[in-house]
Amino acid sequence: MNPLPYPDQYRPAQIPLHHHFWPFILGVVMVVLIANAVMITKYGFADTNKTQGPLNEQSLINAVKRHVTINEEMKPRIMTVRDINQVKTENPAFYKDAQVGDRVLFWDDKVVLYSEAEDRVLVVLPVAPSLVTN
């Protein structure tokens, strides 16, 4: 006697239980991938260059040194461009290509305008030594 309510020839195929979980697992993976894409798009987590922040002093000097010969015995004074309109009014030729966040490094023999965002030196201006009279 057949314990099932239908004859043997109409009995559904026996599918192992783990086969029912594939659509569920695929759905979870899709949700995670979509959530990651939304987070990257909305919060910019994939842009690691911008989230690192400004370079510390020695890293900045090393970055400039790759482009310009400097006297390593001298330590430069470093400033950051904050108000682009003000600096362009004070010295339009030097700050012509500058943007907010660019760095100005002052050595005794030169002044360098460096863009961290583009990793390039925008301007190098030689400074004449001051004349000392006795």
C-alpha atoms as a PDB file:
ATOM      1  CA  MET A   1       0.000   0.000   0.000  1.00  0.00           C
ATOM      2  CA  ASN A   2       1.301   3.459  -0.955  1.00  0.00           C
ATOM      3  CA  PRO A   3       1.412   5.885   2.053  1.00  0.00           C
ATOM      4  CA  LEU A   4       1.295   8.907  -0.263  1.00  0.00           C
ATOM      5  CA  PRO A   5      -2.071  10.301  -1.350  1.00  0.00           C
ATOM      6  CA  TYR A   6      -1.219   9.808  -5.042  1.00  0.00           C
ATOM      7  CA  PRO A   7       0.080   6.943  -7.135  1.00  0.00           C
ATOM      8  CA  ASP A   8       3.818   6.323  -7.583  1.00  0.00           C
ATOM      9  CA  GLN A   9       3.948   7.475 -11.195  1.00  0.00           C
ATOM     10  CA  TYR A  10       2.748  10.986 -10.165  1.00  0.00           C
ATOM     11  CA  ARG A  11       5.054  11.411  -7.193  1.00  0.00           C
ATOM     12  CA  PRO A  12       7.258  14.563  -7.487  1.00  0.00           C
ATOM     13  CA  ALA A  13      11.003  14.068  -7.865  1.00  0.00           C
ATOM     14  CA  GLN A  14      12.869  13.906  -4.609  1.00  0.00           C
ATOM     15  CA  ILE A  15      14.937  17.123  -4.497  1.00  0.00           C
ATOM     16  CA  PRO A  16      17.534  17.304  -1.742  1.00  0.00           C
ATOM     17  CA  LEU A  17      16.895  20.101   0.748  1.00  0.00           C
ATOM     18  CA  HIS A  18      20.115  22.041  -0.097  1.00  0.00           C
ATOM     19  CA  HIS A  19      18.834  22.667  -3.654  1.00  0.00           C
ATOM     20  CA  HIS A  20      16.114  24.910  -2.228  1.00  0.00           C
ATOM     21  CA  PHE A  21      18.698  27.219  -0.679  1.00  0.00           C
ATOM     22  CA  TRP A  22      20.466  28.265  -3.916  1.00  0.00           C
ATOM     23  CA  PRO A  23      17.894  30.931  -4.826  1.00  0.00           C
ATOM     24  CA  PHE A  24      18.053  32.227  -1.244  1.00  0.00           C
ATOM     25  CA  ILE A  25      21.870  32.365  -1.254  1.00  0.00           C
ATOM     26  CA  LEU A  26      21.896  34.041  -4.660  1.00  0.00           C
ATOM     27  CA  GLY A  27      19.375  36.602  -3.390  1.00  0.00           C
ATOM     28  CA  VAL A  28      21.489  37.409  -0.327  1.00  0.00           C
ATOM     29  CA  VAL A  29      24.622  37.836  -2.463  1.00  0.00           C
ATOM     30  CA  MET A  30      22.757  40.169  -4.821  1.00  0.00           C
ATOM     31  CA  VAL A  31      21.476  42.279  -1.910  1.00  0.00           C
ATOM     32  CA  VAL A  32      25.000  42.595  -0.479  1.00  0.00           C
ATOM     33  CA  LEU A  33      26.466  43.592  -3.855  1.00  0.00           C
ATOM     34  CA  ILE A  34      23.759  46.188  -4.449  1.00  0.00           C
ATOM     35  CA  ALA A  35      24.194  47.590  -0.928  1.00  0.00           C
ATOM     36  CA  ASN A  36      27.961  47.903  -1.498  1.00  0.00           C
ATOM     37  CA  ALA A  37      27.429  49.673  -4.817  1.00  0.00           C
ATOM     38  CA  VAL A  38      25.033  52.135  -3.184  1.00  0.00           C
ATOM     39  CA  MET A  39      27.463  52.820  -0.307  1.00  0.00           C
ATOM     40  CA  ILE A  40      30.376  53.388  -2.688  1.00  0.00           C
ATOM     41  CA  THR A  41      28.312  55.694  -4.881  1.00  0.00           C
ATOM     42  CA  LYS A  42      26.717  57.639  -2.045  1.00  0.00           C
ATOM     43  CA  TYR A  43      29.644  57.942   0.374  1.00  0.00           C
ATOM     44  CA  GLY A  44      32.623  57.542  -1.959  1.00  0.00           C
ATOM     45  CA  PHE A  45      34.344  54.789   0.012  1.00  0.00           C
ATOM     46  CA  ALA A  46      36.078  53.542  -3.133  1.00  0.00           C
ATOM     47  CA  ASP A  47      37.939  56.833  -3.599  1.00  0.00           C
ATOM     48  CA  THR A  48      40.819  56.150  -1.238  1.00  0.00           C
ATOM     49  CA  ASN A  49      42.917  59.004  -2.587  1.00  0.00           C
ATOM     50  CA  LYS A  50      40.530  61.644  -1.361  1.00  0.00           C
ATOM     51  CA  THR A  51      39.799  60.088   2.010  1.00  0.00           C
ATOM     52  CA  GLN A  52      43.409  59.954   3.108  1.00  0.00           C
ATOM     53  CA  GLY A  53      43.575  63.703   3.752  1.00  0.00           C
ATOM     54  CA  PRO A  54      46.496  66.046   3.334  1.00  0.00           C
ATOM     55  CA  LEU A  55      50.051  64.735   3.416  1.00  0.00           C
ATOM     56  CA  ASN A  56      52.069  65.173   6.570  1.00  0.00           C
ATOM     57  CA  GLU A  57      55.051  67.534   6.420  1.00  0.00           C
ATOM     58  CA  GLN A  58      57.763  64.988   5.549  1.00  0.00           C
ATOM     59  CA  SER A  59      55.572  63.185   2.999  1.00  0.00           C
ATOM     60  CA  LEU A  60      54.807  66.529   1.377  1.00  0.00           C
ATOM     61  CA  ILE A  61      58.513  67.418   1.170  1.00  0.00           C
ATOM     62  CA  ASN A  62      59.278  63.985  -0.316  1.00  0.00           C
ATOM     63  CA  ALA A  63      56.509  64.431  -2.904  1.00  0.00           C
ATOM     64  CA  VAL A  64      57.852  67.839  -3.937  1.00  0.00           C
ATOM     65  CA  LYS A  65      61.410  66.451  -3.994  1.00  0.00           C
ATOM     66  CA  ARG A  66      60.388  64.009  -6.741  1.00  0.00           C
ATOM     67  CA  HIS A  67      59.718  67.010  -9.008  1.00  0.00           C
ATOM     68  CA  VAL A  68      62.123  69.730  -7.858  1.00  0.00           C
ATOM     69  CA  THR A  69      65.688  69.708  -6.540  1.00  0.00           C
ATOM     70  CA  ILE A  70      65.700  70.997  -2.977  1.00  0.00           C
ATOM     71  CA  ASN A  71      68.251  71.572  -0.256  1.00  0.00           C
ATOM     72  CA  GLU A  72      67.439  68.785   2.190  1.00  0.00           C
ATOM     73  CA  GLU A  73      69.286  70.507   5.019  1.00  0.00           C
ATOM     74  CA  MET A  74      66.768  73.352   5.013  1.00  0.00           C
ATOM     75  CA  LYS A  75      63.285  72.851   6.364  1.00  0.00           C
ATOM     76  CA  PRO A  76      60.646  74.793   4.415  1.00  0.00           C
ATOM     77  CA  ARG A  77      57.801  76.841   5.804  1.00  0.00           C
ATOM     78  CA  ILE A  78      54.556  75.318   4.543  1.00  0.00           C
ATOM     79  CA  MET A  79      51.243  77.041   3.928  1.00  0.00           C
ATOM     80  CA  THR A  80      47.946  75.774   2.504  1.00  0.00           C
ATOM     81  CA  VAL A  81      45.834  77.779   0.047  1.00  0.00           C
ATOM     82  CA  ARG A  82      42.501  78.402   1.792  1.00  0.00           C
ATOM     83  CA  ASP A  83      41.053  81.519   0.110  1.00  0.00           C
ATOM     84  CA  ILE A  84      41.794  81.269  -3.600  1.00  0.00           C
ATOM     85  CA  ASN A  85      40.363  84.718  -4.434  1.00  0.00           C
ATOM     86  CA  GLN A  86      42.548  86.481  -1.870  1.00  0.00           C
ATOM     87  CA  VAL A  87      45.812  84.868  -2.987  1.00  0.00           C
ATOM     88  CA  LYS A  88      45.011  85.444  -6.659  1.00  0.00           C
ATOM     89  CA  THR A  89      44.468  89.134  -5.929  1.00  0.00           C
ATOM     90  CA  GLU A  90      47.773  89.368  -4.054  1.00  0.00           C
ATOM     91  CA  ASN A  91      49.847  87.514  -6.686  1.00  0.00           C
ATOM     92  CA  PRO A  92      47.836  86.553  -9.794  1.00  0.00           C
ATOM     93  CA  ALA A  93      50.814  85.226 -11.786  1.00  0.00           C
ATOM     94  CA  PHE A  94      52.028  82.841  -9.063  1.00  0.00           C
ATOM     95  CA  TYR A  95      48.574  81.551  -8.063  1.00  0.00           C
ATOM     96  CA  LYS A  96      47.172  81.413 -11.628  1.00  0.00           C
ATOM     97  CA  ASP A  97      46.624  77.609 -11.604  1.00  0.00           C
ATOM     98  CA  ALA A  98      46.181  77.202  -7.836  1.00  0.00           C
ATOM     99  CA  GLN A  99      43.169  75.614  -6.186  1.00  0.00           C
ATOM    100  CA  VAL A 100      41.969  75.434  -2.599  1.00  0.00           C
ATOM    101  CA  GLY A 101      44.089  72.873  -0.742  1.00  0.00           C
ATOM    102  CA  ASP A 102      47.262  73.391  -2.782  1.00  0.00           C
ATOM    103  CA  ARG A 103      50.442  73.799  -0.728  1.00  0.00           C
ATOM    104  CA  VAL A 104      53.068  76.554  -0.822  1.00  0.00           C
ATOM    105  CA  LEU A 105      56.547  75.620   0.387  1.00  0.00           C
ATOM    106  CA  PHE A 106      59.041  78.410   1.178  1.00  0.00           C
ATOM    107  CA  TRP A 107      62.772  77.662   1.143  1.00  0.00           C
ATOM    108  CA  ASP A 108      65.507  80.294   1.332  1.00  0.00           C
ATOM    109  CA  ASP A 109      66.253  79.929  -2.391  1.00  0.00           C
ATOM    110  CA  LYS A 110      62.805  79.144  -3.886  1.00  0.00           C
ATOM    111  CA  VAL A 111      59.056  79.064  -3.394  1.00  0.00           C
ATOM    112  CA  VAL A 112      57.095  76.069  -4.702  1.00  0.00           C
ATOM    113  CA  LEU A 113      53.358  75.841  -5.347  1.00  0.00           C
ATOM    114  CA  TYR A 114      52.429  72.155  -5.235  1.00  0.00           C
ATOM    115  CA  SER A 115      49.103  70.453  -5.973  1.00  0.00           C
ATOM    116  CA  GLU A 116      48.570  67.365  -3.800  1.00  0.00           C
ATOM    117  CA  ALA A 117      45.442  66.451  -5.752  1.00  0.00           C
ATOM    118  CA  GLU A 118      47.344  66.277  -9.047  1.00  0.00           C
ATOM    119  CA  ASP A 119      50.755  65.354  -7.557  1.00  0.00           C
ATOM    120  CA  ARG A 120      52.505  68.024  -9.577  1.00  0.00           C
ATOM    121  CA  VAL A 121      54.419  71.227  -9.065  1.00  0.00           C
ATOM    122  CA  LEU A 122      52.453  74.172 -10.437  1.00  0.00           C
ATOM    123  CA  VAL A 123      55.056  76.933 -10.020  1.00  0.00           C
ATOM    124  CA  VAL A 124      58.670  77.221  -8.878  1.00  0.00           C
ATOM    125  CA  LEU A 125      59.780  80.764  -8.167  1.00  0.00           C
ATOM    126  CA  PRO A 126      63.466  81.453  -7.383  1.00  0.00           C
ATOM    127  CA  VAL A 127      64.103  83.849  -4.522  1.00  0.00           C
ATOM    128  CA  ALA A 128      67.053  86.204  -4.717  1.00  0.00           C
ATOM    129  CA  PRO A 129      69.227  86.207  -1.605  1.00  0.00           C
ATOM    130  CA  SER A 130      68.847  89.373   0.397  1.00  0.00           C
ATOM    131  CA  LEU A 131      71.713  91.798   0.160  1.00  0.00           C
ATOM    132  CA  VAL A 132      73.380  92.477   3.485  1.00  0.00           C
ATOM    133  CA  THR A 133      75.207  95.761   3.883  1.00  0.00           C
ATOM    134  CA  ASN A 134      77.702  96.506   6.588  1.00  0.00           C
END
